[in-house]
C-alpha atoms as a PDB file:
ATOM      1  CA  UNK A   1       0.000   0.000   0.000  1.00  0.00           C
ATOM      2  CA  UNK A   2       2.742   2.461   1.002  1.00  0.00           C
ATOM      3  CA  UNK A   3       6.353   2.220  -0.187  1.00  0.00           C
ATOM      4  CA  UNK A   4       8.828   4.919   0.789  1.00  0.00           C
ATOM      5  CA  UNK A   5      12.214   5.088  -0.923  1.00  0.00           C
ATOM      6  CA  UNK A   6      15.252   7.243  -0.086  1.00  0.00           C
ATOM      7  CA  UNK A   7      13.145   9.974   1.518  1.00  0.00           C
ATOM      8  CA  UNK A   8      14.878  13.114   2.770  1.00  0.00           C
ATOM      9  CA  UNK A   9      13.121  16.118   4.300  1.00  0.00           C
ATOM     10  CA  UNK A  10      14.796  19.305   5.454  1.00  0.00           C
ATOM     11  CA  UNK A  11      13.999  22.171   7.787  1.00  0.00           C
ATOM     12  CA  UNK A  12      16.031  24.870   6.084  1.00  0.00           C
ATOM     13  CA  UNK A  13      19.594  23.530   6.046  1.00  0.00           C
ATOM     14  CA  UNK A  14      18.847  20.822   8.619  1.00  0.00           C
ATOM     15  CA  UNK A  15      18.297  17.345   7.179  1.00  0.00           C
ATOM     16  CA  UNK A  16      15.603  15.838   9.392  1.00  0.00           C
ATOM     17  CA  UNK A  17      14.999  12.652   7.369  1.00  0.00           C
ATOM     18  CA  UNK A  18      18.009  10.956   5.809  1.00  0.00           C
ATOM     19  CA  UNK A  19      17.145   8.487   3.086  1.00  0.00           C
ATOM     20  CA  UNK A  20      14.254   6.791   4.892  1.00  0.00           C
ATOM     21  CA  UNK A  21      12.901   3.588   3.331  1.00  0.00           C
ATOM     22  CA  UNK A  22       9.964   1.592   4.670  1.00  0.00           C
ATOM     23  CA  UNK A  23       6.710  -0.011   3.606  1.00  0.00           C
ATOM     24  CA  UNK A  24       3.222  -0.599   4.964  1.00  0.00           C
ATOM     25  CA  UNK A  25       1.099  -3.436   3.596  1.00  0.00           C
ATOM     26  CA  UNK A  26      -2.681  -3.405   3.374  1.00  0.00           C
ATOM     27  CA  UNK A  27      -4.324  -4.454   6.647  1.00  0.00           C
ATOM     28  CA  UNK A  28      -1.247  -3.972   8.826  1.00  0.00           C
ATOM     29  CA  UNK A  29      -0.521  -1.935  11.913  1.00  0.00           C
ATOM     30  CA  UNK A  30       3.055  -0.725  11.526  1.00  0.00           C
ATOM     31  CA  UNK A  31       4.687   1.004  14.500  1.00  0.00           C
ATOM     32  CA  UNK A  32       7.377   3.655  14.190  1.00  0.00           C
ATOM     33  CA  UNK A  33       9.268   4.111  17.439  1.00  0.00           C
ATOM     34  CA  UNK A  34      12.154   6.309  18.460  1.00  0.00           C
ATOM     35  CA  UNK A  35      13.263   9.041  20.822  1.00  0.00           C
ATOM     36  CA  UNK A  36      12.065  12.645  20.750  1.00  0.00           C
ATOM     37  CA  UNK A  37      13.598  14.408  17.769  1.00  0.00           C
ATOM     38  CA  UNK A  38      14.247  11.221  15.820  1.00  0.00           C
ATOM     39  CA  UNK A  39      12.068  12.399  12.919  1.00  0.00           C
ATOM     40  CA  UNK A  40       8.876  10.428  13.523  1.00  0.00           C
ATOM     41  CA  UNK A  41       6.466  13.362  13.254  1.00  0.00           C
ATOM     42  CA  UNK A  42       8.459  14.773  10.342  1.00  0.00           C
ATOM     43  CA  UNK A  43       7.952  11.498   8.483  1.00  0.00           C
ATOM     44  CA  UNK A  44       4.181  11.477   9.040  1.00  0.00           C
ATOM     45  CA  UNK A  45       3.889  15.140   8.067  1.00  0.00           C
ATOM     46  CA  UNK A  46       5.851  14.443   4.889  1.00  0.00           C
ATOM     47  CA  UNK A  47       3.581  11.529   3.964  1.00  0.00           C
ATOM     48  CA  UNK A  48       0.523  13.707   4.659  1.00  0.00           C
ATOM     49  CA  UNK A  49       1.799  16.520   2.453  1.00  0.00           C
ATOM     50  CA  UNK A  50       2.370  19.049   5.233  1.00  0.00           C
ATOM     51  CA  UNK A  51       6.093  18.975   4.453  1.00  0.00           C
ATOM     52  CA  UNK A  52       7.668  18.558   1.029  1.00  0.00           C
ATOM     53  CA  UNK A  53      10.612  16.175   0.727  1.00  0.00           C
ATOM     54  CA  UNK A  54      13.745  17.281  -1.053  1.00  0.00           C
ATOM     55  CA  UNK A  55      14.377  13.813  -2.470  1.00  0.00           C
ATOM     56  CA  UNK A  56      12.849  10.343  -2.559  1.00  0.00           C
ATOM     57  CA  UNK A  57       9.513   8.759  -3.360  1.00  0.00           C
ATOM     58  CA  UNK A  58       6.324   8.130  -1.404  1.00  0.00           C
ATOM     59  CA  UNK A  59       4.485   5.501  -3.414  1.00  0.00           C
ATOM     60  CA  UNK A  60       0.872   5.113  -2.306  1.00  0.00           C
ATOM     61  CA  UNK A  61      -0.970   2.370  -4.160  1.00  0.00           C
ATOM     62  CA  UNK A  62       1.701   2.615  -6.845  1.00  0.00           C
ATOM     63  CA  UNK A  63       1.573   6.396  -7.381  1.00  0.00           C
ATOM     64  CA  UNK A  64       4.210   8.843  -6.190  1.00  0.00           C
ATOM     65  CA  UNK A  65       2.462  11.370  -3.925  1.00  0.00           C
ATOM     66  CA  UNK A  66       5.629  13.092  -2.688  1.00  0.00           C
ATOM     67  CA  UNK A  67       4.985  16.824  -2.783  1.00  0.00           C
ATOM     68  CA  UNK A  68       1.240  16.556  -3.436  1.00  0.00           C
ATOM     69  CA  UNK A  69      -0.894  19.056  -1.478  1.00  0.00           C
ATOM     70  CA  UNK A  70      -2.466  17.762   1.764  1.00  0.00           C
ATOM     71  CA  UNK A  71      -6.039  17.951   0.447  1.00  0.00           C
ATOM     72  CA  UNK A  72      -5.145  15.753  -2.522  1.00  0.00           C
ATOM     73  CA  UNK A  73      -3.537  13.213  -0.209  1.00  0.00           C
ATOM     74  CA  UNK A  74      -6.660  13.142   1.982  1.00  0.00           C
ATOM     75  CA  UNK A  75      -8.807  12.566  -1.093  1.00  0.00           C
ATOM     76  CA  UNK A  76      -6.459   9.763  -2.161  1.00  0.00           C
ATOM     77  CA  UNK A  77      -7.213   7.941   1.085  1.00  0.00           C
ATOM     78  CA  UNK A  78      -4.605   8.976   3.693  1.00  0.00           C
ATOM     79  CA  UNK A  79      -5.616  10.724   6.908  1.00  0.00           C
ATOM     80  CA  UNK A  80      -3.353  12.128   9.630  1.00  0.00           C
ATOM     81  CA  UNK A  81      -4.343  12.266  13.300  1.00  0.00           C
ATOM     82  CA  UNK A  82      -1.781  14.785  14.566  1.00  0.00           C
ATOM     83  CA  UNK A  83       0.156  14.774  17.811  1.00  0.00           C
ATOM     84  CA  UNK A  84      -1.684  16.388  20.748  1.00  0.00           C
ATOM     85  CA  UNK A  85      -5.013  16.044  18.971  1.00  0.00           C
ATOM     86  CA  UNK A  86      -5.285  19.589  17.525  1.00  0.00           C
ATOM     87  CA  UNK A  87      -9.064  19.549  17.606  1.00  0.00           C
ATOM     88  CA  UNK A  88     -11.046  22.762  17.143  1.00  0.00           C
ATOM     89  CA  UNK A  89     -11.621  23.709  20.763  1.00  0.00           C
ATOM     90  CA  UNK A  90     -14.367  26.294  20.119  1.00  0.00           C
ATOM     91  CA  UNK A  91     -16.413  24.024  17.854  1.00  0.00           C
ATOM     92  CA  UNK A  92     -18.773  21.298  18.993  1.00  0.00           C
ATOM     93  CA  UNK A  93     -17.900  17.619  18.829  1.00  0.00           C
ATOM     94  CA  UNK A  94     -20.311  17.200  15.916  1.00  0.00           C
ATOM     95  CA  UNK A  95     -18.802  20.122  13.992  1.00  0.00           C
ATOM     96  CA  UNK A  96     -15.312  18.715  14.523  1.00  0.00           C
ATOM     97  CA  UNK A  97     -16.504  15.471  12.965  1.00  0.00           C
ATOM     98  CA  UNK A  98     -18.105  17.239  10.016  1.00  0.00           C
ATOM     99  CA  UNK A  99     -14.859  19.097   9.320  1.00  0.00           C
ATOM    100  CA  UNK A 100     -13.151  15.719   9.040  1.00  0.00           C
ATOM    101  CA  UNK A 101     -15.335  15.036   5.990  1.00  0.00           C
ATOM    102  CA  UNK A 102     -14.719  18.419   4.328  1.00  0.00           C
ATOM    103  CA  UNK A 103     -13.171  16.830   1.242  1.00  0.00           C
ATOM    104  CA  UNK A 104     -16.391  15.010   0.340  1.00  0.00           C
ATOM    105  CA  UNK A 105     -19.179  16.769   2.268  1.00  0.00           C
ATOM    106  CA  UNK A 106     -20.536  18.851  -0.618  1.00  0.00           C
ATOM    107  CA  UNK A 107     -21.261  15.821  -2.797  1.00  0.00           C
ATOM    108  CA  UNK A 108     -21.778  13.152  -0.163  1.00  0.00           C
ATOM    109  CA  UNK A 109     -24.015  14.732   2.468  1.00  0.00           C
ATOM    110  CA  UNK A 110     -26.176  11.730   3.322  1.00  0.00           C
ATOM    111  CA  UNK A 111     -23.180   9.426   3.603  1.00  0.00           C
ATOM    112  CA  UNK A 112     -21.475  11.943   5.903  1.00  0.00           C
ATOM    113  CA  UNK A 113     -24.404  11.728   8.294  1.00  0.00           C
ATOM    114  CA  UNK A 114     -24.161   7.937   8.189  1.00  0.00           C
ATOM    115  CA  UNK A 115     -20.487   8.194   9.061  1.00  0.00           C
ATOM    116  CA  UNK A 116     -21.200  10.566  11.962  1.00  0.00           C
ATOM    117  CA  UNK A 117     -23.588   7.942  13.325  1.00  0.00           C
ATOM    118  CA  UNK A 118     -20.892   5.293  12.897  1.00  0.00           C
ATOM    119  CA  UNK A 119     -18.401   7.425  14.837  1.00  0.00           C
ATOM    120  CA  UNK A 120     -20.922   7.751  17.645  1.00  0.00           C
ATOM    121  CA  UNK A 121     -21.303   3.960  17.649  1.00  0.00           C
ATOM    122  CA  UNK A 122     -17.532   3.487  17.729  1.00  0.00           C
ATOM    123  CA  UNK A 123     -17.021   6.193  20.381  1.00  0.00           C
ATOM    124  CA  UNK A 124     -20.249   6.352  22.439  1.00  0.00           C
ATOM    125  CA  UNK A 125     -18.905   9.148  24.651  1.00  0.00           C
ATOM    126  CA  UNK A 126     -18.786  11.434  21.609  1.00  0.00           C
ATOM    127  CA  UNK A 127     -22.517  11.090  21.061  1.00  0.00           C
ATOM    128  CA  UNK A 128     -23.067  12.006  24.697  1.00  0.00           C
ATOM    129  CA  UNK A 129     -20.884  15.095  24.150  1.00  0.00           C
ATOM    130  CA  UNK A 130     -21.953  15.929  20.579  1.00  0.00           C
ATOM    131  CA  UNK A 131     -23.093  19.472  21.413  1.00  0.00           C
ATOM    132  CA  UNK A 132     -20.193  20.139  23.778  1.00  0.00           C
ATOM    133  CA  UNK A 133     -17.244  22.320  22.736  1.00  0.00           C
ATOM    134  CA  UNK A 134     -14.204  20.260  21.872  1.00  0.00           C
ATOM    135  CA  UNK A 135     -11.983  22.178  24.268  1.00  0.00           C
ATOM    136  CA  UNK A 136     -14.084  21.134  27.258  1.00  0.00           C
ATOM    137  CA  UNK A 137     -13.513  17.399  26.708  1.00  0.00           C
ATOM    138  CA  UNK A 138     -11.024  15.412  28.758  1.00  0.00           C
ATOM    139  CA  UNK A 139      -7.715  14.467  27.140  1.00  0.00           C
ATOM    140  CA  UNK A 140      -8.875  10.935  26.396  1.00  0.00           C
ATOM    141  CA  UNK A 141     -12.143  12.182  24.896  1.00  0.00           C
ATOM    142  CA  UNK A 142     -10.245  14.679  22.752  1.00  0.00           C
ATOM    143  CA  UNK A 143      -8.040  11.868  21.455  1.00  0.00           C
ATOM    144  CA  UNK A 144     -11.113   9.818  20.570  1.00  0.00           C
ATOM    145  CA  UNK A 145     -12.534  12.859  18.782  1.00  0.00           C
ATOM    146  CA  UNK A 146      -9.283  13.374  16.875  1.00  0.00           C
ATOM    147  CA  UNK A 147      -9.285   9.742  15.711  1.00  0.00           C
ATOM    148  CA  UNK A 148     -12.971   9.906  14.788  1.00  0.00           C
ATOM    149  CA  UNK A 149     -12.401  13.142  12.857  1.00  0.00           C
ATOM    150  CA  UNK A 150      -9.571  11.447  10.961  1.00  0.00           C
ATOM    151  CA  UNK A 151     -11.839   8.517  10.093  1.00  0.00           C
ATOM    152  CA  UNK A 152     -14.523  10.829   8.677  1.00  0.00           C
ATOM    153  CA  UNK A 153     -12.557  11.122   5.429  1.00  0.00           C
ATOM    154  CA  UNK A 154     -12.887   7.337   5.027  1.00  0.00           C
ATOM    155  CA  UNK A 155      -9.129   6.738   4.858  1.00  0.00           C
ATOM    156  CA  UNK A 156      -7.558   3.548   3.636  1.00  0.00           C
ATOM    157  CA  UNK A 157      -4.396   4.478   5.560  1.00  0.00           C
ATOM    158  CA  UNK A 158      -4.591   6.199   8.951  1.00  0.00           C
ATOM    159  CA  UNK A 159      -1.473   7.951  10.274  1.00  0.00           C
ATOM    160  CA  UNK A 160      -1.561   8.186  14.082  1.00  0.00           C
ATOM    161  CA  UNK A 161       0.977  10.503  15.710  1.00  0.00           C
ATOM    162  CA  UNK A 162       1.564   9.804  19.420  1.00  0.00           C
ATOM    163  CA  UNK A 163      -2.051   8.959  20.383  1.00  0.00           C
ATOM    164  CA  UNK A 164      -0.981   8.118  23.942  1.00  0.00           C
ATOM    165  CA  UNK A 165       0.824  11.380  24.729  1.00  0.00           C
ATOM    166  CA  UNK A 166      -0.337  13.058  27.931  1.00  0.00           C
ATOM    167  CA  UNK A 167      -2.838  10.330  28.828  1.00  0.00           C
ATOM    168  CA  UNK A 168      -3.118   8.138  31.912  1.00  0.00           C
ATOM    169  CA  UNK A 169      -2.198   4.439  31.433  1.00  0.00           C
ATOM    170  CA  UNK A 170      -5.824   3.234  31.597  1.00  0.00           C
ATOM    171  CA  UNK A 171      -6.813   5.662  28.860  1.00  0.00           C
ATOM    172  CA  UNK A 172      -3.773   4.664  26.792  1.00  0.00           C
ATOM    173  CA  UNK A 173      -4.893   1.040  26.902  1.00  0.00           C
ATOM    174  CA  UNK A 174      -8.383   2.026  25.748  1.00  0.00           C
ATOM    175  CA  UNK A 175      -7.032   4.137  22.870  1.00  0.00           C
ATOM    176  CA  UNK A 176      -4.772   1.300  21.709  1.00  0.00           C
ATOM    177  CA  UNK A 177      -7.657  -1.162  21.985  1.00  0.00           C
ATOM    178  CA  UNK A 178      -9.563   1.118  19.618  1.00  0.00           C
ATOM    179  CA  UNK A 179      -6.559   1.207  17.273  1.00  0.00           C
ATOM    180  CA  UNK A 180      -6.472  -2.589  17.151  1.00  0.00           C
ATOM    181  CA  UNK A 181     -10.229  -2.657  16.531  1.00  0.00           C
ATOM    182  CA  UNK A 182      -9.897  -0.256  13.592  1.00  0.00           C
ATOM    183  CA  UNK A 183      -7.611  -2.721  11.852  1.00  0.00           C
ATOM    184  CA  UNK A 184     -10.297  -5.413  12.110  1.00  0.00           C
ATOM    185  CA  UNK A 185     -12.647  -2.950  10.376  1.00  0.00           C
ATOM    186  CA  UNK A 186     -10.293  -2.727   7.401  1.00  0.00           C
ATOM    187  CA  UNK A 187      -8.200   0.358   8.181  1.00  0.00           C
ATOM    188  CA  UNK A 188      -4.447   0.128   7.658  1.00  0.00           C
ATOM    189  CA  UNK A 189      -2.537   2.044  10.335  1.00  0.00           C
ATOM    190  CA  UNK A 190       0.885   3.598  10.696  1.00  0.00           C
ATOM    191  CA  UNK A 191       1.386   4.276  14.391  1.00  0.00           C
ATOM    192  CA  UNK A 192       4.036   6.668  15.700  1.00  0.00           C
ATOM    193  CA  UNK A 193       4.668   6.185  19.410  1.00  0.00           C
ATOM    194  CA  UNK A 194       7.256   7.001  22.017  1.00  0.00           C
ATOM    195  CA  UNK A 195       5.543   4.441  24.246  1.00  0.00           C
ATOM    196  CA  UNK A 196       7.303   1.609  22.453  1.00  0.00           C
ATOM    197  CA  UNK A 197       5.976  -1.197  24.616  1.00  0.00           C
ATOM    198  CA  UNK A 198       2.351  -0.218  24.045  1.00  0.00           C
ATOM    199  CA  UNK A 199       2.869   0.310  20.311  1.00  0.00           C
ATOM    200  CA  UNK A 200       4.521  -3.070  19.774  1.00  0.00           C
ATOM    201  CA  UNK A 201       1.727  -4.814  21.654  1.00  0.00           C
ATOM    202  CA  UNK A 202      -0.762  -3.865  18.919  1.00  0.00           C
ATOM    203  CA  UNK A 203       1.531  -3.672  15.859  1.00  0.00           C
ATOM    204  CA  UNK A 204       2.341  -6.377  13.334  1.00  0.00           C
ATOM    205  CA  UNK A 205       5.712  -4.897  12.399  1.00  0.00           C
ATOM    206  CA  UNK A 206       7.824  -1.964  13.424  1.00  0.00           C
ATOM    207  CA  UNK A 207      10.668   0.351  12.525  1.00  0.00           C
ATOM    208  CA  UNK A 208      13.080   2.137  14.838  1.00  0.00           C
ATOM    209  CA  UNK A 209      13.955   5.653  13.711  1.00  0.00           C
ATOM    210  CA  UNK A 210      17.146   7.239  15.033  1.00  0.00           C
ATOM    211  CA  UNK A 211      18.487  10.632  13.951  1.00  0.00           C
ATOM    212  CA  UNK A 212      16.308  10.664  10.859  1.00  0.00           C
ATOM    213  CA  UNK A 213      17.303   7.183   9.670  1.00  0.00           C
ATOM    214  CA  UNK A 214      15.812   3.720   9.960  1.00  0.00           C
ATOM    215  CA  UNK A 215      18.087   1.927  12.414  1.00  0.00           C
ATOM    216  CA  UNK A 216      16.168  -1.336  12.763  1.00  0.00           C
ATOM    217  CA  UNK A 217      13.094  -3.102  11.453  1.00  0.00           C
ATOM    218  CA  UNK A 218      11.294  -6.370  12.089  1.00  0.00           C
ATOM    219  CA  UNK A 219       8.152  -7.984  13.381  1.00  0.00           C
ATOM    220  CA  UNK A 220       6.780  -6.575  16.609  1.00  0.00           C
ATOM    221  CA  UNK A 221       7.835  -9.758  18.384  1.00  0.00           C
ATOM    222  CA  UNK A 222      11.391  -9.498  17.021  1.00  0.00           C
ATOM    223  CA  UNK A 223      11.718  -5.886  18.133  1.00  0.00           C
ATOM    224  CA  UNK A 224      10.420  -6.655  21.627  1.00  0.00           C
ATOM    225  CA  UNK A 225      13.087  -9.373  21.945  1.00  0.00           C
ATOM    226  CA  UNK A 226      15.877  -7.234  20.493  1.00  0.00           C
ATOM    227  CA  UNK A 227      18.423  -6.348  23.185  1.00  0.00           C
ATOM    228  CA  UNK A 228      19.090  -2.867  21.794  1.00  0.00           C
ATOM    229  CA  UNK A 229      15.388  -2.041  21.654  1.00  0.00           C
ATOM    230  CA  UNK A 230      14.915  -3.379  25.172  1.00  0.00           C
ATOM    231  CA  UNK A 231      17.751  -1.240  26.481  1.00  0.00           C
ATOM    232  CA  UNK A 232      16.818   1.960  24.645  1.00  0.00           C
ATOM    233  CA  UNK A 233      13.017   1.842  24.616  1.00  0.00           C
ATOM    234  CA  UNK A 234      11.599  -0.929  26.823  1.00  0.00           C
ATOM    235  CA  UNK A 235      13.794  -1.371  29.878  1.00  0.00           C
ATOM    236  CA  UNK A 236      12.621   1.726  31.738  1.00  0.00           C
ATOM    237  CA  UNK A 237       9.296   2.151  29.984  1.00  0.00           C
ATOM    238  CA  UNK A 238       7.322   1.903  33.188  1.00  0.00           C
ATOM    239  CA  UNK A 239       9.290   4.716  34.786  1.00  0.00           C
ATOM    240  CA  UNK A 240       8.853   6.909  31.709  1.00  0.00           C
ATOM    241  CA  UNK A 241       5.105   6.308  31.796  1.00  0.00           C
ATOM    242  CA  UNK A 242       4.987   7.463  35.412  1.00  0.00           C
ATOM    243  CA  UNK A 243       6.522  10.729  34.340  1.00  0.00           C
ATOM    244  CA  UNK A 244       3.980  11.385  31.587  1.00  0.00           C
ATOM    245  CA  UNK A 245       0.838  13.457  31.971  1.00  0.00           C
ATOM    246  CA  UNK A 246      -2.344  12.197  33.545  1.00  0.00           C
ATOM    247  CA  UNK A 247      -4.815  14.052  31.362  1.00  0.00           C
ATOM    248  CA  UNK A 248      -7.623  11.492  31.297  1.00  0.00           C
END
């Protein structure tokens, strides 16, 4: 579904991605783990068209989308759920969902309403809060809204950027349960996470990104067993989780 070759993205003179190559197959959950500043968000933003690469290819269903505008990439079937949710805090839950379908709303009104109902079925708390302003939701509810908004474009590939950030462990488990459930509904997922243990529990395969380069790849089970991954990302995971936010 997604094949990335020799991808390099810059911020001015700074080379943030350095010849990245990876692939995501239809029906998979692929985790991308790494430390802060490794380039994980840069990679997702480049795939989504928010950043333009200086070199390389992003082949989506066989077509190179590198450099395409974000709206064209959404229409092609890729949706990004950004880090820290970035919902519209002064709009209602329902209006946030409708904005997620902006690329097709004018010609697909009835189907949009069907999809809103489906989001309420998938995330019952959102129906309870449908008239509530997005900024008044808890952190976990905002993350559910951000995922639901991303699904409103009917993506074939969902890019999830740090869905666990700032959330209590119980809420993290619920969010990742939802992620696993989305795959059973036919959505392919690329999951960026600093919480490596949680990500590898739901992923089929994974990549480790270090300093803008792919340092390691393998099945989720192989990465969990890898001594370097254990030392760098898993050994003190519990302590790192204790230090994270508790915005439930």
